[in-house]
PDB file of N, CA and C in Angstrom:
ATOM      1  N   UNK A   1      62.016 137.148 -30.837  1.00  0.00           N
ATOM      2  CA  UNK A   1      60.900 137.725 -30.138  1.00  0.00           C
ATOM      3  C   UNK A   1      60.006 136.606 -29.613  1.00  0.00           C
ATOM      4  N   UNK A   2      59.608 136.740 -28.360  1.00  0.00           N
ATOM      5  CA  UNK A   2      58.739 135.739 -27.744  1.00  0.00           C
ATOM      6  C   UNK A   2      57.313 135.881 -28.259  1.00  0.00           C
ATOM      7  N   UNK A   3      56.610 134.770 -28.294  1.00  0.00           N
ATOM      8  CA  UNK A   3      55.227 134.765 -28.744  1.00  0.00           C
ATOM      9  C   UNK A   3      54.343 134.237 -27.627  1.00  0.00           C
ATOM     10  N   UNK A   4      53.233 134.896 -27.393  1.00  0.00           N
ATOM     11  CA  UNK A   4      52.267 134.431 -26.396  1.00  0.00           C
ATOM     12  C   UNK A   4      51.042 133.912 -27.131  1.00  0.00           C
ATOM     13  N   UNK A   5      50.489 132.817 -26.661  1.00  0.00           N
ATOM     14  CA  UNK A   5      49.264 132.262 -27.225  1.00  0.00           C
ATOM     15  C   UNK A   5      48.211 132.279 -26.130  1.00  0.00           C
ATOM     16  N   UNK A   6      47.190 133.061 -26.323  1.00  0.00           N
ATOM     17  CA  UNK A   6      46.119 133.176 -25.348  1.00  0.00           C
ATOM     18  C   UNK A   6      44.822 132.736 -26.000  1.00  0.00           C
ATOM     19  N   UNK A   7      44.044 131.939 -25.287  1.00  0.00           N
ATOM     20  CA  UNK A   7      42.824 131.384 -25.854  1.00  0.00           C
ATOM     21  C   UNK A   7      41.661 131.613 -24.897  1.00  0.00           C
ATOM     22  N   UNK A   8      40.516 132.008 -25.432  1.00  0.00           N
ATOM     23  CA  UNK A   8      39.312 132.178 -24.628  1.00  0.00           C
ATOM     24  C   UNK A   8      38.700 130.840 -24.270  1.00  0.00           C
ATOM     25  N   UNK A   9      37.609 130.890 -23.522  1.00  0.00           N
ATOM     26  CA  UNK A   9      36.971 129.647 -23.085  1.00  0.00           C
ATOM     27  C   UNK A   9      36.039 129.049 -24.127  1.00  0.00           C
ATOM     28  N   UNK A  10      35.558 129.862 -25.091  1.00  0.00           N
ATOM     29  CA  UNK A  10      34.661 129.375 -26.141  1.00  0.00           C
ATOM     30  C   UNK A  10      34.832 130.241 -27.379  1.00  0.00           C
ATOM     31  N   UNK A  11      34.495 129.698 -28.545  1.00  0.00           N
ATOM     32  CA  UNK A  11      34.695 130.446 -29.790  1.00  0.00           C
ATOM     33  C   UNK A  11      33.835 131.699 -29.866  1.00  0.00           C
ATOM     34  N   UNK A  12      32.698 131.712 -29.203  1.00  0.00           N
ATOM     35  CA  UNK A  12      31.798 132.863 -29.270  1.00  0.00           C
ATOM     36  C   UNK A  12      32.013 133.867 -28.138  1.00  0.00           C
ATOM     37  N   UNK A  13      33.088 133.702 -27.339  1.00  0.00           N
ATOM     38  CA  UNK A  13      33.308 134.682 -26.273  1.00  0.00           C
ATOM     39  C   UNK A  13      34.063 135.911 -26.772  1.00  0.00           C
ATOM     40  N   UNK A  14      34.636 135.822 -27.976  1.00  0.00           N
ATOM     41  CA  UNK A  14      35.359 136.935 -28.603  1.00  0.00           C
ATOM     42  C   UNK A  14      36.503 137.443 -27.735  1.00  0.00           C
ATOM     43  N   UNK A  15      37.201 136.515 -27.102  1.00  0.00           N
ATOM     44  CA  UNK A  15      38.377 136.855 -26.302  1.00  0.00           C
ATOM     45  C   UNK A  15      39.407 137.544 -27.187  1.00  0.00           C
ATOM     46  N   UNK A  16      39.895 138.686 -26.759  1.00  0.00           N
ATOM     47  CA  UNK A  16      40.879 139.428 -27.531  1.00  0.00           C
ATOM     48  C   UNK A  16      40.276 140.423 -28.496  1.00  0.00           C
ATOM     49  N   UNK A  17      38.944 140.534 -28.538  1.00  0.00           N
ATOM     50  CA  UNK A  17      38.284 141.505 -29.410  1.00  0.00           C
ATOM     51  C   UNK A  17      38.814 142.893 -29.109  1.00  0.00           C
ATOM     52  N   UNK A  18      39.116 143.135 -27.852  1.00  0.00           N
ATOM     53  CA  UNK A  18      39.683 144.412 -27.437  1.00  0.00           C
ATOM     54  C   UNK A  18      40.817 144.162 -26.451  1.00  0.00           C
ATOM     55  N   UNK A  19      41.871 144.922 -26.607  1.00  0.00           N
ATOM     56  CA  UNK A  19      43.067 144.785 -25.771  1.00  0.00           C
ATOM     57  C   UNK A  19      43.568 146.181 -25.430  1.00  0.00           C
ATOM     58  N   UNK A  20      44.003 146.376 -24.193  1.00  0.00           N
ATOM     59  CA  UNK A  20      44.550 147.674 -23.792  1.00  0.00           C
ATOM     60  C   UNK A  20      45.708 147.470 -22.834  1.00  0.00           C
ATOM     61  N   UNK A  21      46.727 148.291 -22.981  1.00  0.00           N
ATOM     62  CA  UNK A  21      47.794 148.324 -21.995  1.00  0.00           C
ATOM     63  C   UNK A  21      47.222 148.856 -20.695  1.00  0.00           C
ATOM     64  N   UNK A  22      47.522 148.202 -19.600  1.00  0.00           N
ATOM     65  CA  UNK A  22      46.932 148.573 -18.314  1.00  0.00           C
ATOM     66  C   UNK A  22      47.915 149.279 -17.395  1.00  0.00           C
ATOM     67  N   UNK A  23      49.145 149.489 -17.850  1.00  0.00           N
ATOM     68  CA  UNK A  23      50.146 150.046 -16.947  1.00  0.00           C
ATOM     69  C   UNK A  23      50.613 148.975 -15.982  1.00  0.00           C
ATOM     70  N   UNK A  24      51.234 149.380 -14.918  1.00  0.00           N
ATOM     71  CA  UNK A  24      51.754 148.437 -13.926  1.00  0.00           C
ATOM     72  C   UNK A  24      50.785 148.354 -12.749  1.00  0.00           C
ATOM     73  N   UNK A  25      49.738 147.562 -12.890  1.00  0.00           N
ATOM     74  CA  UNK A  25      48.674 147.471 -11.886  1.00  0.00           C
ATOM     75  C   UNK A  25      49.180 146.967 -10.540  1.00  0.00           C
ATOM     76  N   UNK A  26      50.010 145.941 -10.539  1.00  0.00           N
ATOM     77  CA  UNK A  26      50.452 145.336  -9.283  1.00  0.00           C
ATOM     78  C   UNK A  26      51.804 145.863  -8.803  1.00  0.00           C
ATOM     79  N   UNK A  27      52.281 146.946  -9.403  1.00  0.00           N
ATOM     80  CA  UNK A  27      53.512 147.620  -8.972  1.00  0.00           C
ATOM     81  C   UNK A  27      54.729 146.700  -8.889  1.00  0.00           C
ATOM     82  N   UNK A  28      54.875 145.790  -9.869  1.00  0.00           N
ATOM     83  CA  UNK A  28      56.039 144.908  -9.883  1.00  0.00           C
ATOM     84  C   UNK A  28      57.104 145.366 -10.878  1.00  0.00           C
ATOM     85  N   UNK A  29      56.877 146.503 -11.541  1.00  0.00           N
ATOM     86  CA  UNK A  29      57.844 147.026 -12.501  1.00  0.00           C
ATOM     87  C   UNK A  29      57.604 146.575 -13.930  1.00  0.00           C
ATOM     88  N   UNK A  30      56.561 145.784 -14.168  1.00  0.00           N
ATOM     89  CA  UNK A  30      56.247 145.288 -15.509  1.00  0.00           C
ATOM     90  C   UNK A  30      54.828 145.711 -15.884  1.00  0.00           C
ATOM     91  N   UNK A  31      54.652 146.131 -17.142  1.00  0.00           N
ATOM     92  CA  UNK A  31      53.326 146.526 -17.605  1.00  0.00           C
ATOM     93  C   UNK A  31      52.400 145.321 -17.699  1.00  0.00           C
ATOM     94  N   UNK A  32      51.136 145.553 -17.424  1.00  0.00           N
ATOM     95  CA  UNK A  32      50.104 144.532 -17.471  1.00  0.00           C
ATOM     96  C   UNK A  32      49.166 144.824 -18.645  1.00  0.00           C
ATOM     97  N   UNK A  33      48.340 143.847 -19.014  1.00  0.00           N
ATOM     98  CA  UNK A  33      47.471 143.963 -20.187  1.00  0.00           C
ATOM     99  C   UNK A  33      46.044 143.599 -19.793  1.00  0.00           C
ATOM    100  N   UNK A  34      45.079 144.377 -20.294  1.00  0.00           N
ATOM    101  CA  UNK A  34      43.670 144.094 -20.076  1.00  0.00           C
ATOM    102  C   UNK A  34      43.084 143.578 -21.386  1.00  0.00           C
ATOM    103  N   UNK A  35      42.473 142.381 -21.363  1.00  0.00           N
ATOM    104  CA  UNK A  35      41.917 141.756 -22.565  1.00  0.00           C
ATOM    105  C   UNK A  35      40.418 141.551 -22.354  1.00  0.00           C
ATOM    106  N   UNK A  36      39.619 142.029 -23.313  1.00  0.00           N
ATOM    107  CA  UNK A  36      38.172 141.893 -23.219  1.00  0.00           C
ATOM    108  C   UNK A  36      37.651 140.670 -23.952  1.00  0.00           C
ATOM    109  N   UNK A  37      36.573 140.107 -23.430  1.00  0.00           N
ATOM    110  CA  UNK A  37      35.846 138.999 -24.069  1.00  0.00           C
ATOM    111  C   UNK A  37      34.364 139.326 -23.919  1.00  0.00           C
ATOM    112  N   UNK A  38      33.851 140.133 -24.851  1.00  0.00           N
ATOM    113  CA  UNK A  38      32.491 140.642 -24.665  1.00  0.00           C
ATOM    114  C   UNK A  38      31.411 139.581 -24.803  1.00  0.00           C
ATOM    115  N   UNK A  39      31.708 138.438 -25.373  1.00  0.00           N
ATOM    116  CA  UNK A  39      30.720 137.375 -25.497  1.00  0.00           C
ATOM    117  C   UNK A  39      30.753 136.375 -24.361  1.00  0.00           C
ATOM    118  N   UNK A  40      31.734 136.486 -23.482  1.00  0.00           N
ATOM    119  CA  UNK A  40      31.870 135.563 -22.352  1.00  0.00           C
ATOM    120  C   UNK A  40      30.774 135.838 -21.334  1.00  0.00           C
ATOM    121  N   UNK A  41      30.069 134.815 -20.917  1.00  0.00           N
ATOM    122  CA  UNK A  41      28.995 134.979 -19.945  1.00  0.00           C
ATOM    123  C   UNK A  41      29.511 134.674 -18.552  1.00  0.00           C
ATOM    124  N   UNK A  42      29.169 135.534 -17.618  1.00  0.00           N
ATOM    125  CA  UNK A  42      29.524 135.266 -16.224  1.00  0.00           C
ATOM    126  C   UNK A  42      28.260 135.188 -15.367  1.00  0.00           C
ATOM    127  N   UNK A  43      27.161 134.773 -16.000  1.00  0.00           N
ATOM    128  CA  UNK A  43      25.924 134.567 -15.267  1.00  0.00           C
ATOM    129  C   UNK A  43      24.947 135.730 -15.294  1.00  0.00           C
ATOM    130  N   UNK A  44      25.279 136.798 -16.006  1.00  0.00           N
ATOM    131  CA  UNK A  44      24.396 137.959 -16.095  1.00  0.00           C
ATOM    132  C   UNK A  44      23.976 138.168 -17.540  1.00  0.00           C
ATOM    133  N   UNK A  45      22.951 138.956 -17.775  1.00  0.00           N
ATOM    134  CA  UNK A  45      22.467 139.253 -19.118  1.00  0.00           C
ATOM    135  C   UNK A  45      23.264 140.396 -19.719  1.00  0.00           C
ATOM    136  N   UNK A  46      23.619 140.268 -21.002  1.00  0.00           N
ATOM    137  CA  UNK A  46      24.302 141.327 -21.750  1.00  0.00           C
ATOM    138  C   UNK A  46      25.563 141.831 -21.061  1.00  0.00           C
ATOM    139  N   UNK A  47      26.435 140.940 -20.675  1.00  0.00           N
ATOM    140  CA  UNK A  47      27.697 141.348 -20.078  1.00  0.00           C
ATOM    141  C   UNK A  47      28.839 140.593 -20.729  1.00  0.00           C
ATOM    142  N   UNK A  48      30.031 140.883 -20.347  1.00  0.00           N
ATOM    143  CA  UNK A  48      31.223 140.209 -20.834  1.00  0.00           C
ATOM    144  C   UNK A  48      32.211 140.084 -19.694  1.00  0.00           C
ATOM    145  N   UNK A  49      33.452 139.798 -20.045  1.00  0.00           N
ATOM    146  CA  UNK A  49      34.487 139.614 -19.035  1.00  0.00           C
ATOM    147  C   UNK A  49      35.737 140.351 -19.472  1.00  0.00           C
ATOM    148  N   UNK A  50      36.461 140.902 -18.525  1.00  0.00           N
ATOM    149  CA  UNK A  50      37.777 141.485 -18.776  1.00  0.00           C
ATOM    150  C   UNK A  50      38.796 140.673 -18.000  1.00  0.00           C
ATOM    151  N   UNK A  51      39.873 140.307 -18.660  1.00  0.00           N
ATOM    152  CA  UNK A  51      40.943 139.553 -18.029  1.00  0.00           C
ATOM    153  C   UNK A  51      42.143 140.464 -17.853  1.00  0.00           C
ATOM    154  N   UNK A  52      42.669 140.529 -16.649  1.00  0.00           N
ATOM    155  CA  UNK A  52      43.875 141.290 -16.372  1.00  0.00           C
ATOM    156  C   UNK A  52      45.039 140.313 -16.358  1.00  0.00           C
ATOM    157  N   UNK A  53      45.941 140.454 -17.324  1.00  0.00           N
ATOM    158  CA  UNK A  53      47.099 139.573 -17.442  1.00  0.00           C
ATOM    159  C   UNK A  53      48.316 140.324 -16.938  1.00  0.00           C
ATOM    160  N   UNK A  54      49.018 139.737 -15.988  1.00  0.00           N
ATOM    161  CA  UNK A  54      50.161 140.389 -15.366  1.00  0.00           C
ATOM    162  C   UNK A  54      51.439 140.157 -16.153  1.00  0.00           C
ATOM    163  N   UNK A  55      52.195 141.224 -16.377  1.00  0.00           N
ATOM    164  CA  UNK A  55      53.505 141.116 -16.999  1.00  0.00           C
ATOM    165  C   UNK A  55      54.532 140.685 -15.958  1.00  0.00           C
ATOM    166  N   UNK A  56      55.613 140.056 -16.415  1.00  0.00           N
ATOM    167  CA  UNK A  56      56.689 139.632 -15.515  1.00  0.00           C
ATOM    168  C   UNK A  56      57.973 139.530 -16.321  1.00  0.00           C
ATOM    169  N   UNK A  57      59.069 139.205 -15.668  1.00  0.00           N
ATOM    170  CA  UNK A  57      60.335 139.049 -16.387  1.00  0.00           C
ATOM    171  C   UNK A  57      60.271 137.891 -17.375  1.00  0.00           C
ATOM    172  N   UNK A  58      59.350 136.948 -17.156  1.00  0.00           N
ATOM    173  CA  UNK A  58      59.184 135.795 -18.045  1.00  0.00           C
ATOM    174  C   UNK A  58      58.114 136.041 -19.101  1.00  0.00           C
ATOM    175  N   UNK A  59      57.493 137.218 -19.108  1.00  0.00           N
ATOM    176  CA  UNK A  59      56.411 137.520 -20.046  1.00  0.00           C
ATOM    177  C   UNK A  59      55.097 137.633 -19.312  1.00  0.00           C
ATOM    178  N   UNK A  60      54.008 137.368 -20.010  1.00  0.00           N
ATOM    179  CA  UNK A  60      52.679 137.446 -19.408  1.00  0.00           C
ATOM    180  C   UNK A  60      52.404 136.163 -18.644  1.00  0.00           C
ATOM    181  N   UNK A  61      51.932 136.300 -17.395  1.00  0.00           N
ATOM    182  CA  UNK A  61      51.629 135.118 -16.592  1.00  0.00           C
ATOM    183  C   UNK A  61      50.214 134.641 -16.876  1.00  0.00           C
ATOM    184  N   UNK A  62      49.889 133.456 -16.429  1.00  0.00           N
ATOM    185  CA  UNK A  62      48.570 132.887 -16.655  1.00  0.00           C
ATOM    186  C   UNK A  62      47.528 133.327 -15.648  1.00  0.00           C
ATOM    187  N   UNK A  63      47.915 134.139 -14.670  1.00  0.00           N
ATOM    188  CA  UNK A  63      46.976 134.594 -13.663  1.00  0.00           C
ATOM    189  C   UNK A  63      46.010 135.600 -14.264  1.00  0.00           C
ATOM    190  N   UNK A  64      44.713 135.372 -14.067  1.00  0.00           N
ATOM    191  CA  UNK A  64      43.714 136.294 -14.610  1.00  0.00           C
ATOM    192  C   UNK A  64      42.721 136.676 -13.532  1.00  0.00           C
ATOM    193  N   UNK A  65      42.145 137.842 -13.678  1.00  0.00           N
ATOM    194  CA  UNK A  65      41.083 138.314 -12.805  1.00  0.00           C
ATOM    195  C   UNK A  65      39.928 138.724 -13.697  1.00  0.00           C
ATOM    196  N   UNK A  66      38.742 138.233 -13.437  1.00  0.00           N
ATOM    197  CA  UNK A  66      37.591 138.543 -14.288  1.00  0.00           C
ATOM    198  C   UNK A  66      36.722 139.619 -13.651  1.00  0.00           C
ATOM    199  N   UNK A  67      36.138 140.455 -14.494  1.00  0.00           N
ATOM    200  CA  UNK A  67      35.180 141.481 -14.066  1.00  0.00           C
ATOM    201  C   UNK A  67      34.249 141.752 -15.230  1.00  0.00           C
ATOM    202  N   UNK A  68      33.072 142.228 -14.975  1.00  0.00           N
ATOM    203  CA  UNK A  68      32.153 142.510 -16.069  1.00  0.00           C
ATOM    204  C   UNK A  68      32.640 143.696 -16.865  1.00  0.00           C
ATOM    205  N   UNK A  69      32.334 143.693 -18.158  1.00  0.00           N
ATOM    206  CA  UNK A  69      32.775 144.764 -19.052  1.00  0.00           C
ATOM    207  C   UNK A  69      31.892 144.785 -20.281  1.00  0.00           C
ATOM    208  N   UNK A  70      31.954 145.847 -21.039  1.00  0.00           N
ATOM    209  CA  UNK A  70      31.188 145.976 -22.269  1.00  0.00           C
ATOM    210  C   UNK A  70      31.929 145.405 -23.462  1.00  0.00           C
ATOM    211  N   UNK A  71      31.774 146.026 -24.634  1.00  0.00           N
ATOM    212  CA  UNK A  71      32.360 145.480 -25.852  1.00  0.00           C
ATOM    213  C   UNK A  71      33.713 146.066 -26.193  1.00  0.00           C
ATOM    214  N   UNK A  72      34.206 147.033 -25.449  1.00  0.00           N
ATOM    215  CA  UNK A  72      35.534 147.584 -25.712  1.00  0.00           C
ATOM    216  C   UNK A  72      36.303 147.729 -24.422  1.00  0.00           C
ATOM    217  N   UNK A  73      37.603 147.789 -24.556  1.00  0.00           N
ATOM    218  CA  UNK A  73      38.463 148.043 -23.410  1.00  0.00           C
ATOM    219  C   UNK A  73      39.201 149.335 -23.688  1.00  0.00           C
ATOM    220  N   UNK A  74      39.058 150.272 -22.800  1.00  0.00           N
ATOM    221  CA  UNK A  74      39.751 151.542 -22.931  1.00  0.00           C
ATOM    222  C   UNK A  74      40.428 151.824 -21.610  1.00  0.00           C
ATOM    223  N   UNK A  75      41.737 151.899 -21.600  1.00  0.00           N
ATOM    224  CA  UNK A  75      42.466 152.077 -20.358  1.00  0.00           C
ATOM    225  C   UNK A  75      42.460 153.515 -19.891  1.00  0.00           C
ATOM    226  N   UNK A  76      42.384 153.700 -18.595  1.00  0.00           N
ATOM    227  CA  UNK A  76      42.472 155.021 -17.992  1.00  0.00           C
ATOM    228  C   UNK A  76      43.110 154.877 -16.625  1.00  0.00           C
ATOM    229  N   UNK A  77      44.088 155.689 -16.340  1.00  0.00           N
ATOM    230  CA  UNK A  77      44.753 155.641 -15.039  1.00  0.00           C
ATOM    231  C   UNK A  77      44.107 156.653 -14.103  1.00  0.00           C
ATOM    232  N   UNK A  78      43.836 156.234 -12.897  1.00  0.00           N
ATOM    233  CA  UNK A  78      43.291 157.120 -11.887  1.00  0.00           C
ATOM    234  C   UNK A  78      44.325 157.279 -10.791  1.00  0.00           C
ATOM    235  N   UNK A  79      44.486 158.483 -10.285  1.00  0.00           N
ATOM    236  CA  UNK A  79      45.441 158.728  -9.206  1.00  0.00           C
ATOM    237  C   UNK A  79      44.896 158.109  -7.931  1.00  0.00           C
ATOM    238  N   UNK A  80      45.730 157.330  -7.275  1.00  0.00           N
ATOM    239  CA  UNK A  80      45.341 156.701  -6.026  1.00  0.00           C
ATOM    240  C   UNK A  80      46.542 156.648  -5.107  1.00  0.00           C
ATOM    241  N   UNK A  81      46.408 156.025  -3.964  1.00  0.00           N
ATOM    242  CA  UNK A  81      47.505 155.958  -2.994  1.00  0.00           C
ATOM    243  C   UNK A  81      48.594 154.979  -3.436  1.00  0.00           C
ATOM    244  N   UNK A  82      49.392 155.369  -4.435  1.00  0.00           N
ATOM    245  CA  UNK A  82      50.499 154.533  -4.889  1.00  0.00           C
ATOM    246  C   UNK A  82      50.089 153.377  -5.768  1.00  0.00           C
ATOM    247  N   UNK A  83      48.855 153.359  -6.258  1.00  0.00           N
ATOM    248  CA  UNK A  83      48.364 152.245  -7.062  1.00  0.00           C
ATOM    249  C   UNK A  83      47.686 152.776  -8.313  1.00  0.00           C
ATOM    250  N   UNK A  84      47.852 152.084  -9.447  1.00  0.00           N
ATOM    251  CA  UNK A  84      47.125 152.430 -10.670  1.00  0.00           C
ATOM    252  C   UNK A  84      45.781 151.719 -10.669  1.00  0.00           C
ATOM    253  N   UNK A  85      44.774 152.388 -11.178  1.00  0.00           N
ATOM    254  CA  UNK A  85      43.454 151.799 -11.315  1.00  0.00           C
ATOM    255  C   UNK A  85      43.053 151.855 -12.778  1.00  0.00           C
ATOM    256  N   UNK A  86      42.288 150.887 -13.258  1.00  0.00           N
ATOM    257  CA  UNK A  86      41.875 150.815 -14.661  1.00  0.00           C
ATOM    258  C   UNK A  86      40.352 150.819 -14.733  1.00  0.00           C
ATOM    259  N   UNK A  87      39.832 151.515 -15.724  1.00  0.00           N
ATOM    260  CA  UNK A  87      38.387 151.513 -15.961  1.00  0.00           C
ATOM    261  C   UNK A  87      38.128 151.108 -17.395  1.00  0.00           C
ATOM    262  N   UNK A  88      37.131 150.280 -17.628  1.00  0.00           N
ATOM    263  CA  UNK A  88      36.724 149.915 -18.986  1.00  0.00           C
ATOM    264  C   UNK A  88      35.487 150.694 -19.369  1.00  0.00           C
ATOM    265  N   UNK A  89      35.244 150.773 -20.668  1.00  0.00           N
ATOM    266  CA  UNK A  89      34.023 151.440 -21.104  1.00  0.00           C
ATOM    267  C   UNK A  89      33.280 150.555 -22.057  1.00  0.00           C
TER     268      UNK A  89
END
């Protein structure tokens, strides 16, 4: 079994405190993962960051997309024009 090692930017960012399966966001046939870091600062007060990690035939890629988020990650699929959408709470 393959092992992935993912590390946040600082010890107090709490990267990985919350993790959710995100479905296949980029429609490549592989499930993606949403990882929360509620202590990560992106320049705003009382916010965090969510990282979207893309699945691939080689495993999870290093490409990430950041967005503000709270202290938990809860996945939800929304019907759209051929694309999955994810919402955090």
